Every structure is written in C-alpha cells, then in structure tokens.
Amino acid sequence: MINKICEILKRDTLSDKTAIAVMDGFDVPDVLRKYGEATKKSMMTVEDAENVAKKAGVELIQVTGAPGEIGALAALGLYNDLEEAVKVYY
C-alpha cells in the first residue's frame, strides 16, 4: 500500500520536495508531538526530522525530495489535534 501511495504521489505532486511519514498505530509519541509543535514555531532541518523520526519509530520516505520529510513528520505529530494543527504562530 505504501508503495502504491508513493507511486501516485510521485506521478501527481507538483513539488520536488515531497515525502511521507509512516508510523504504526495511532498514538503519537511525545517526541513527535513536540516536534510538530516546534516546527510550527521555528525552522527545522531535514536532519532534525530524521533524528526525531528515528526516536519516534517513524519511517520517512522521500518521494521527490528530502525537504518534504520536515512537513510530513510535523503533520503526523499533530494529526490528532486539529486545533493545534491549524493554529497560526507569528
């Protein structure tokens, strides 16, 4: 299923920075939640994303580019908190 999703994304994305984050289960580890919140407030690097993903047991898959890992992981960290996910920080 993941391979099929990657094929579709690669075919249809308009970005050269697309990636996906995949985890088992529905419980968001605390380190992943904190990363999601921090990403909304400051700039993160691909290395930051890869380090947090490793700690959280999340697989990052580059579809068209590594920079997409940053947002994919952040979105996963906040997927179950819509209020925080849409909140804007300045």
PDB file of N, CA and C in Angstrom:
ATOM      1  N   MET A   1       0.826  -1.182   0.000  1.00  0.00           N
ATOM      2  CA  MET A   1       0.000   0.000   0.000  1.00  0.00           C
ATOM      3  C   MET A   1       0.883   1.263   0.000  1.00  0.00           C
ATOM      4  N   ILE A   2       1.923   1.262   0.808  1.00  0.00           N
ATOM      5  CA  ILE A   2       2.808   2.424   0.863  1.00  0.00           C
ATOM      6  C   ILE A   2       3.468   2.669  -0.490  1.00  0.00           C
ATOM      7  N   ASN A   3       3.881   1.604  -1.145  1.00  0.00           N
ATOM      8  CA  ASN A   3       4.498   1.755  -2.468  1.00  0.00           C
ATOM      9  C   ASN A   3       3.526   2.376  -3.465  1.00  0.00           C
ATOM     10  N   LYS A   4       2.265   1.953  -3.410  1.00  0.00           N
ATOM     11  CA  LYS A   4       1.249   2.494  -4.316  1.00  0.00           C
ATOM     12  C   LYS A   4       1.022   3.983  -4.043  1.00  0.00           C
ATOM     13  N   ILE A   5       0.967   4.352  -2.776  1.00  0.00           N
ATOM     14  CA  ILE A   5       0.797   5.758  -2.409  1.00  0.00           C
ATOM     15  C   ILE A   5       1.965   6.584  -2.939  1.00  0.00           C
ATOM     16  N   CYS A   6       3.166   6.068  -2.779  1.00  0.00           N
ATOM     17  CA  CYS A   6       4.349   6.777  -3.283  1.00  0.00           C
ATOM     18  C   CYS A   6       4.310   6.928  -4.801  1.00  0.00           C
ATOM     19  N   GLU A   7       3.866   5.895  -5.502  1.00  0.00           N
ATOM     20  CA  GLU A   7       3.740   5.976  -6.968  1.00  0.00           C
ATOM     21  C   GLU A   7       2.770   7.093  -7.361  1.00  0.00           C
ATOM     22  N   ILE A   8       1.621   7.133  -6.689  1.00  0.00           N
ATOM     23  CA  ILE A   8       0.610   8.145  -7.004  1.00  0.00           C
ATOM     24  C   ILE A   8       1.136   9.543  -6.687  1.00  0.00           C
ATOM     25  N   LEU A   9       1.755   9.688  -5.532  1.00  0.00           N
ATOM     26  CA  LEU A   9       2.312  10.989  -5.174  1.00  0.00           C
ATOM     27  C   LEU A   9       3.373  11.435  -6.164  1.00  0.00           C
ATOM     28  N   LYS A  10       4.253  10.528  -6.527  1.00  0.00           N
ATOM     29  CA  LYS A  10       5.330  10.875  -7.460  1.00  0.00           C
ATOM     30  C   LYS A  10       4.752  11.320  -8.803  1.00  0.00           C
ATOM     31  N   ARG A  11       3.697  10.660  -9.227  1.00  0.00           N
ATOM     32  CA  ARG A  11       3.063  10.994 -10.502  1.00  0.00           C
ATOM     33  C   ARG A  11       2.319  12.329 -10.436  1.00  0.00           C
ATOM     34  N   ASP A  12       1.660  12.611  -9.295  1.00  0.00           N
ATOM     35  CA  ASP A  12       0.735  13.737  -9.236  1.00  0.00           C
ATOM     36  C   ASP A  12       1.222  14.965  -8.468  1.00  0.00           C
ATOM     37  N   THR A  13       2.295  14.852  -7.712  1.00  0.00           N
ATOM     38  CA  THR A  13       2.741  16.007  -6.937  1.00  0.00           C
ATOM     39  C   THR A  13       3.306  17.089  -7.853  1.00  0.00           C
ATOM     40  N   LEU A  14       3.135  18.319  -7.437  1.00  0.00           N
ATOM     41  CA  LEU A  14       3.703  19.446  -8.166  1.00  0.00           C
ATOM     42  C   LEU A  14       5.001  19.915  -7.522  1.00  0.00           C
ATOM     43  N   SER A  15       5.386  19.240  -6.450  1.00  0.00           N
ATOM     44  CA  SER A  15       6.563  19.638  -5.687  1.00  0.00           C
ATOM     45  C   SER A  15       7.745  18.707  -5.934  1.00  0.00           C
ATOM     46  N   ASP A  16       8.926  19.279  -5.891  1.00  0.00           N
ATOM     47  CA  ASP A  16      10.130  18.451  -5.959  1.00  0.00           C
ATOM     48  C   ASP A  16      10.662  18.183  -4.543  1.00  0.00           C
ATOM     49  N   LYS A  17       9.792  18.416  -3.545  1.00  0.00           N
ATOM     50  CA  LYS A  17      10.154  18.229  -2.138  1.00  0.00           C
ATOM     51  C   LYS A  17       9.080  17.425  -1.406  1.00  0.00           C
ATOM     52  N   THR A  18       8.579  16.384  -2.018  1.00  0.00           N
ATOM     53  CA  THR A  18       7.512  15.591  -1.424  1.00  0.00           C
ATOM     54  C   THR A  18       8.076  14.378  -0.703  1.00  0.00           C
ATOM     55  N   ALA A  19       7.541  14.126   0.491  1.00  0.00           N
ATOM     56  CA  ALA A  19       7.907  12.943   1.273  1.00  0.00           C
ATOM     57  C   ALA A  19       6.688  12.536   2.099  1.00  0.00           C
ATOM     58  N   ILE A  20       6.716  11.321   2.629  1.00  0.00           N
ATOM     59  CA  ILE A  20       5.665  10.878   3.530  1.00  0.00           C
ATOM     60  C   ILE A  20       6.296  10.332   4.803  1.00  0.00           C
ATOM     61  N   ALA A  21       5.509  10.368   5.872  1.00  0.00           N
ATOM     62  CA  ALA A  21       5.922   9.817   7.161  1.00  0.00           C
ATOM     63  C   ALA A  21       4.931   8.728   7.532  1.00  0.00           C
ATOM     64  N   VAL A  22       5.439   7.572   7.935  1.00  0.00           N
ATOM     65  CA  VAL A  22       4.591   6.416   8.226  1.00  0.00           C
ATOM     66  C   VAL A  22       4.923   5.881   9.612  1.00  0.00           C
ATOM     67  N   MET A  23       3.870   5.689  10.423  1.00  0.00           N
ATOM     68  CA  MET A  23       4.087   5.080  11.732  1.00  0.00           C
ATOM     69  C   MET A  23       3.039   3.997  11.966  1.00  0.00           C
ATOM     70  N   ASP A  24       3.372   3.069  12.830  1.00  0.00           N
ATOM     71  CA  ASP A  24       2.421   2.033  13.232  1.00  0.00           C
ATOM     72  C   ASP A  24       1.554   2.572  14.351  1.00  0.00           C
ATOM     73  N   GLY A  25       0.269   2.302  14.291  1.00  0.00           N
ATOM     74  CA  GLY A  25      -0.629   2.697  15.364  1.00  0.00           C
ATOM     75  C   GLY A  25      -1.120   4.122  15.236  1.00  0.00           C
ATOM     76  N   PHE A  26      -1.834   4.539  16.276  1.00  0.00           N
ATOM     77  CA  PHE A  26      -2.470   5.852  16.266  1.00  0.00           C
ATOM     78  C   PHE A  26      -1.973   6.767  17.379  1.00  0.00           C
ATOM     79  N   ASP A  27      -1.213   6.227  18.324  1.00  0.00           N
ATOM     80  CA  ASP A  27      -0.705   7.023  19.431  1.00  0.00           C
ATOM     81  C   ASP A  27       0.537   7.788  18.997  1.00  0.00           C
ATOM     82  N   VAL A  28       0.495   9.099  19.185  1.00  0.00           N
ATOM     83  CA  VAL A  28       1.612   9.958  18.793  1.00  0.00           C
ATOM     84  C   VAL A  28       2.607  10.021  19.954  1.00  0.00           C
ATOM     85  N   PRO A  29       3.835   9.556  19.727  1.00  0.00           N
ATOM     86  CA  PRO A  29       4.840   9.652  20.781  1.00  0.00           C
ATOM     87  C   PRO A  29       5.087  11.111  21.163  1.00  0.00           C
ATOM     88  N   ASP A  30       5.414  11.353  22.429  1.00  0.00           N
ATOM     89  CA  ASP A  30       5.619  12.709  22.927  1.00  0.00           C
ATOM     90  C   ASP A  30       6.679  13.455  22.119  1.00  0.00           C
ATOM     91  N   VAL A  31       7.764  12.777  21.756  1.00  0.00           N
ATOM     92  CA  VAL A  31       8.839  13.437  20.999  1.00  0.00           C
ATOM     93  C   VAL A  31       8.335  13.902  19.629  1.00  0.00           C
ATOM     94  N   LEU A  32       7.409  13.160  19.047  1.00  0.00           N
ATOM     95  CA  LEU A  32       6.842  13.519  17.750  1.00  0.00           C
ATOM     96  C   LEU A  32       5.870  14.685  17.884  1.00  0.00           C
ATOM     97  N   ARG A  33       5.070  14.673  18.934  1.00  0.00           N
ATOM     98  CA  ARG A  33       4.139  15.779  19.201  1.00  0.00           C
ATOM     99  C   ARG A  33       4.925  17.084  19.391  1.00  0.00           C
ATOM    100  N   LYS A  34       5.981  17.030  20.198  1.00  0.00           N
ATOM    101  CA  LYS A  34       6.793  18.218  20.454  1.00  0.00           C
ATOM    102  C   LYS A  34       7.446  18.730  19.167  1.00  0.00           C
ATOM    103  N   TYR A  35       7.875  17.814  18.313  1.00  0.00           N
ATOM    104  CA  TYR A  35       8.463  18.211  17.030  1.00  0.00           C
ATOM    105  C   TYR A  35       7.417  18.929  16.175  1.00  0.00           C
ATOM    106  N   GLY A  36       6.206  18.390  16.125  1.00  0.00           N
ATOM    107  CA  GLY A  36       5.143  19.028  15.353  1.00  0.00           C
ATOM    108  C   GLY A  36       4.874  20.447  15.818  1.00  0.00           C
ATOM    109  N   GLU A  37       4.817  20.641  17.128  1.00  0.00           N
ATOM    110  CA  GLU A  37       4.584  21.973  17.682  1.00  0.00           C
ATOM    111  C   GLU A  37       5.769  22.893  17.381  1.00  0.00           C
ATOM    112  N   ALA A  38       6.981  22.401  17.569  1.00  0.00           N
ATOM    113  CA  ALA A  38       8.182  23.215  17.346  1.00  0.00           C
ATOM    114  C   ALA A  38       8.321  23.626  15.884  1.00  0.00           C
ATOM    115  N   THR A  39       7.914  22.759  14.980  1.00  0.00           N
ATOM    116  CA  THR A  39       8.031  23.048  13.551  1.00  0.00           C
ATOM    117  C   THR A  39       7.124  24.205  13.147  1.00  0.00           C
ATOM    118  N   LYS A  40       6.020  24.374  13.847  1.00  0.00           N
ATOM    119  CA  LYS A  40       5.126  25.497  13.556  1.00  0.00           C
ATOM    120  C   LYS A  40       5.710  26.825  14.024  1.00  0.00           C
ATOM    121  N   LYS A  41       6.675  26.762  14.942  1.00  0.00           N
ATOM    122  CA  LYS A  41       7.204  27.978  15.554  1.00  0.00           C
ATOM    123  C   LYS A  41       8.608  28.346  15.087  1.00  0.00           C
ATOM    124  N   SER A  42       9.324  27.424  14.474  1.00  0.00           N
ATOM    125  CA  SER A  42      10.691  27.711  14.042  1.00  0.00           C
ATOM    126  C   SER A  42      11.080  26.823  12.863  1.00  0.00           C
ATOM    127  N   MET A  43      12.176  27.171  12.244  1.00  0.00           N
ATOM    128  CA  MET A  43      12.665  26.412  11.095  1.00  0.00           C
ATOM    129  C   MET A  43      13.325  25.114  11.556  1.00  0.00           C
ATOM    130  N   MET A  44      13.054  24.047  10.852  1.00  0.00           N
ATOM    131  CA  MET A  44      13.654  22.747  11.134  1.00  0.00           C
ATOM    132  C   MET A  44      14.447  22.307   9.906  1.00  0.00           C
ATOM    133  N   THR A  45      15.366  21.412  10.127  1.00  0.00           N
ATOM    134  CA  THR A  45      16.164  20.868   9.034  1.00  0.00           C
ATOM    135  C   THR A  45      15.751  19.431   8.759  1.00  0.00           C
ATOM    136  N   VAL A  46      16.188  18.925   7.624  1.00  0.00           N
ATOM    137  CA  VAL A  46      15.950  17.520   7.295  1.00  0.00           C
ATOM    138  C   VAL A  46      16.598  16.638   8.361  1.00  0.00           C
ATOM    139  N   GLU A  47      17.773  17.037   8.817  1.00  0.00           N
ATOM    140  CA  GLU A  47      18.460  16.263   9.861  1.00  0.00           C
ATOM    141  C   GLU A  47      17.632  16.215  11.144  1.00  0.00           C
ATOM    142  N   ASP A  48      17.011  17.339  11.520  1.00  0.00           N
ATOM    143  CA  ASP A  48      16.125  17.360  12.698  1.00  0.00           C
ATOM    144  C   ASP A  48      15.002  16.342  12.524  1.00  0.00           C
ATOM    145  N   ALA A  49      14.366  16.378  11.364  1.00  0.00           N
ATOM    146  CA  ALA A  49      13.257  15.466  11.089  1.00  0.00           C
ATOM    147  C   ALA A  49      13.718  14.013  11.156  1.00  0.00           C
ATOM    148  N   GLU A  50      14.841  13.720  10.562  1.00  0.00           N
ATOM    149  CA  GLU A  50      15.330  12.339  10.546  1.00  0.00           C
ATOM    150  C   GLU A  50      15.687  11.855  11.948  1.00  0.00           C
ATOM    151  N   ASN A  51      16.243  12.733  12.775  1.00  0.00           N
ATOM    152  CA  ASN A  51      16.573  12.352  14.155  1.00  0.00           C
ATOM    153  C   ASN A  51      15.323  12.066  14.976  1.00  0.00           C
ATOM    154  N   VAL A  52      14.321  12.928  14.858  1.00  0.00           N
ATOM    155  CA  VAL A  52      13.071  12.723  15.601  1.00  0.00           C
ATOM    156  C   VAL A  52      12.346  11.479  15.093  1.00  0.00           C
ATOM    157  N   ALA A  53      12.327  11.289  13.788  1.00  0.00           N
ATOM    158  CA  ALA A  53      11.667  10.109  13.221  1.00  0.00           C
ATOM    159  C   ALA A  53      12.291   8.835  13.777  1.00  0.00           C
ATOM    160  N   LYS A  54      13.587   8.812  13.868  1.00  0.00           N
ATOM    161  CA  LYS A  54      14.279   7.633  14.395  1.00  0.00           C
ATOM    162  C   LYS A  54      13.880   7.385  15.851  1.00  0.00           C
ATOM    163  N   LYS A  55      13.855   8.444  16.663  1.00  0.00           N
ATOM    164  CA  LYS A  55      13.470   8.316  18.073  1.00  0.00           C
ATOM    165  C   LYS A  55      12.018   7.859  18.227  1.00  0.00           C
ATOM    166  N   ALA A  56      11.147   8.329  17.315  1.00  0.00           N
ATOM    167  CA  ALA A  56       9.719   8.042  17.413  1.00  0.00           C
ATOM    168  C   ALA A  56       9.315   6.750  16.701  1.00  0.00           C
ATOM    169  N   GLY A  57      10.254   6.127  16.003  1.00  0.00           N
ATOM    170  CA  GLY A  57       9.921   4.906  15.270  1.00  0.00           C
ATOM    171  C   GLY A  57       9.090   5.156  14.030  1.00  0.00           C
ATOM    172  N   VAL A  58       9.302   6.304  13.403  1.00  0.00           N
ATOM    173  CA  VAL A  58       8.554   6.691  12.203  1.00  0.00           C
ATOM    174  C   VAL A  58       9.456   6.508  10.987  1.00  0.00           C
ATOM    175  N   GLU A  59       8.889   5.935   9.934  1.00  0.00           N
ATOM    176  CA  GLU A  59       9.633   5.780   8.681  1.00  0.00           C
ATOM    177  C   GLU A  59       9.375   6.989   7.798  1.00  0.00           C
ATOM    178  N   LEU A  60      10.448   7.642   7.352  1.00  0.00           N
ATOM    179  CA  LEU A  60      10.338   8.743   6.402  1.00  0.00           C
ATOM    180  C   LEU A  60      10.698   8.235   5.020  1.00  0.00           C
ATOM    181  N   ILE A  61       9.859   8.555   4.043  1.00  0.00           N
ATOM    182  CA  ILE A  61      10.076   8.091   2.677  1.00  0.00           C
ATOM    183  C   ILE A  61      10.098   9.299   1.753  1.00  0.00           C
ATOM    184  N   GLN A  62      11.224   9.501   1.098  1.00  0.00           N
ATOM    185  CA  GLN A  62      11.342  10.585   0.123  1.00  0.00           C
ATOM    186  C   GLN A  62      10.660  10.157  -1.176  1.00  0.00           C
ATOM    187  N   VAL A  63       9.707  10.960  -1.605  1.00  0.00           N
ATOM    188  CA  VAL A  63       9.019  10.683  -2.863  1.00  0.00           C
ATOM    189  C   VAL A  63       9.713  11.437  -3.991  1.00  0.00           C
ATOM    190  N   THR A  64       9.868  12.746  -3.799  1.00  0.00           N
ATOM    191  CA  THR A  64      10.596  13.548  -4.793  1.00  0.00           C
ATOM    192  C   THR A  64      11.691  14.394  -4.164  1.00  0.00           C
ATOM    193  N   GLY A  65      11.796  14.395  -2.836  1.00  0.00           N
ATOM    194  CA  GLY A  65      12.850  15.188  -2.214  1.00  0.00           C
ATOM    195  C   GLY A  65      12.840  15.155  -0.701  1.00  0.00           C
ATOM    196  N   ALA A  66      14.020  15.202  -0.119  1.00  0.00           N
ATOM    197  CA  ALA A  66      14.192  15.123   1.327  1.00  0.00           C
ATOM    198  C   ALA A  66      13.516  16.254   2.109  1.00  0.00           C
ATOM    199  N   PRO A  67      13.466  17.490   1.615  1.00  0.00           N
ATOM    200  CA  PRO A  67      12.852  18.554   2.419  1.00  0.00           C
ATOM    201  C   PRO A  67      11.400  18.275   2.818  1.00  0.00           C
ATOM    202  N   GLY A  68      10.718  17.459   2.056  1.00  0.00           N
ATOM    203  CA  GLY A  68       9.343  17.103   2.394  1.00  0.00           C
ATOM    204  C   GLY A  68       9.216  16.323   3.683  1.00  0.00           C
ATOM    205  N   GLU A  69      10.313  15.731   4.133  1.00  0.00           N
ATOM    206  CA  GLU A  69      10.298  14.972   5.389  1.00  0.00           C
ATOM    207  C   GLU A  69       9.935  15.870   6.569  1.00  0.00           C
ATOM    208  N   ILE A  70      10.353  17.139   6.514  1.00  0.00           N
ATOM    209  CA  ILE A  70      10.117  18.070   7.620  1.00  0.00           C
ATOM    210  C   ILE A  70       8.618  18.242   7.866  1.00  0.00           C
ATOM    211  N   GLY A  71       7.897  18.601   6.834  1.00  0.00           N
ATOM    212  CA  GLY A  71       6.461  18.831   6.972  1.00  0.00           C
ATOM    213  C   GLY A  71       5.658  17.556   7.156  1.00  0.00           C
ATOM    214  N   ALA A  72       6.073  16.488   6.501  1.00  0.00           N
ATOM    215  CA  ALA A  72       5.356  15.217   6.644  1.00  0.00           C
ATOM    216  C   ALA A  72       5.407  14.745   8.089  1.00  0.00           C
ATOM    217  N   LEU A  73       6.579  14.852   8.703  1.00  0.00           N
ATOM    218  CA  LEU A  73       6.720  14.412  10.093  1.00  0.00           C
ATOM    219  C   LEU A  73       5.962  15.340  11.032  1.00  0.00           C
ATOM    220  N   ALA A  74       6.027  16.640  10.788  1.00  0.00           N
ATOM    221  CA  ALA A  74       5.306  17.601  11.629  1.00  0.00           C
ATOM    222  C   ALA A  74       3.799  17.360  11.554  1.00  0.00           C
ATOM    223  N   ALA A  75       3.292  17.107  10.361  1.00  0.00           N
ATOM    224  CA  ALA A  75       1.858  16.849  10.194  1.00  0.00           C
ATOM    225  C   ALA A  75       1.438  15.590  10.948  1.00  0.00           C
ATOM    226  N   LEU A  76       2.270  14.583  10.909  1.00  0.00           N
ATOM    227  CA  LEU A  76       1.960  13.342  11.619  1.00  0.00           C
ATOM    228  C   LEU A  76       1.927  13.584  13.127  1.00  0.00           C
ATOM    229  N   GLY A  77       2.814  14.448  13.603  1.00  0.00           N
ATOM    230  CA  GLY A  77       2.857  14.742  15.030  1.00  0.00           C
ATOM    231  C   GLY A  77       1.626  15.456  15.547  1.00  0.00           C
ATOM    232  N   LEU A  78       0.890  16.107  14.655  1.00  0.00           N
ATOM    233  CA  LEU A  78      -0.299  16.864  15.068  1.00  0.00           C
ATOM    234  C   LEU A  78      -1.584  16.338  14.429  1.00  0.00           C
ATOM    235  N   TYR A  79      -1.530  15.169  13.811  1.00  0.00           N
ATOM    236  CA  TYR A  79      -2.695  14.690  13.061  1.00  0.00           C
ATOM    237  C   TYR A  79      -3.947  14.545  13.923  1.00  0.00           C
ATOM    238  N   ASN A  80      -3.771  14.310  15.209  1.00  0.00           N
ATOM    239  CA  ASN A  80      -4.932  14.055  16.065  1.00  0.00           C
ATOM    240  C   ASN A  80      -5.318  15.267  16.920  1.00  0.00           C
ATOM    241  N   ASP A  81      -4.811  16.447  16.578  1.00  0.00           N
ATOM    242  CA  ASP A  81      -5.145  17.674  17.295  1.00  0.00           C
ATOM    243  C   ASP A  81      -5.386  18.784  16.279  1.00  0.00           C
ATOM    244  N   LEU A  82      -6.569  18.823  15.730  1.00  0.00           N
ATOM    245  CA  LEU A  82      -6.905  19.774  14.672  1.00  0.00           C
ATOM    246  C   LEU A  82      -6.704  21.218  15.116  1.00  0.00           C
ATOM    247  N   GLU A  83      -7.078  21.524  16.364  1.00  0.00           N
ATOM    248  CA  GLU A  83      -6.923  22.892  16.849  1.00  0.00           C
ATOM    249  C   GLU A  83      -5.480  23.367  16.776  1.00  0.00           C
ATOM    250  N   GLU A  84      -4.565  22.546  17.237  1.00  0.00           N
ATOM    251  CA  GLU A  84      -3.152  22.917  17.208  1.00  0.00           C
ATOM    252  C   GLU A  84      -2.625  22.904  15.776  1.00  0.00           C
ATOM    253  N   ALA A  85      -3.074  21.957  14.990  1.00  0.00           N
ATOM    254  CA  ALA A  85      -2.573  21.834  13.618  1.00  0.00           C
ATOM    255  C   ALA A  85      -2.879  23.072  12.782  1.00  0.00           C
ATOM    256  N   VAL A  86      -4.013  23.712  13.013  1.00  0.00           N
ATOM    257  CA  VAL A  86      -4.392  24.877  12.195  1.00  0.00           C
ATOM    258  C   VAL A  86      -4.025  26.202  12.837  1.00  0.00           C
ATOM    259  N   LYS A  87      -3.548  26.179  14.066  1.00  0.00           N
ATOM    260  CA  LYS A  87      -3.185  27.407  14.763  1.00  0.00           C
ATOM    261  C   LYS A  87      -2.001  28.077  14.065  1.00  0.00           C
ATOM    262  N   VAL A  88      -2.082  29.406  13.972  1.00  0.00           N
ATOM    263  CA  VAL A  88      -1.020  30.168  13.318  1.00  0.00           C
ATOM    264  C   VAL A  88      -0.184  30.859  14.389  1.00  0.00           C
ATOM    265  N   TYR A  89       1.122  30.745  14.254  1.00  0.00           N
ATOM    266  CA  TYR A  89       2.062  31.406  15.160  1.00  0.00           C
ATOM    267  C   TYR A  89       2.846  32.457  14.384  1.00  0.00           C
ATOM    268  N   TYR A  90       3.126  33.586  15.030  1.00  0.00           N
ATOM    269  CA  TYR A  90       3.916  34.655  14.410  1.00  0.00           C
ATOM    270  C   TYR A  90       5.192  34.842  15.165  1.00  0.00           C
TER     271      TYR A  90
END
